Amino acid sequence: TAGEFTCPVRGHVVDAINHPLNHIYESMADLDKSKKYIVYCIGGFRSAIATSILRSNGIDAVDVYHGLDGGILPVAREATTSQA
């Protein structure tokens, strides 16, 4: 969500783009089908759904298991915009 993406404590992955699940059908037109996308949200639930939708529409996407909190921040906080 927009709030997750702009969160100053968690931050977001550097150079990430924000495409919230509730707008995925509209925003997937902006994605380049020749690229591979890594999809995440804070907990991993919405990103799993988004990844499924993207893949079913011909976009190469993978989901970050356990999301930002459990999958990214514990091992790669320096790769985020986090201020924590």
Foldseek 3Di string as FASTA:
>chain_A
DVCQCPPQALHAFPPDDDDFLVRLVVCCVVDDQVDEEEFFTQQFPSRVVSCVVCVVVRHHYDYQHRGSNPRDCVPPSVRGNHPD
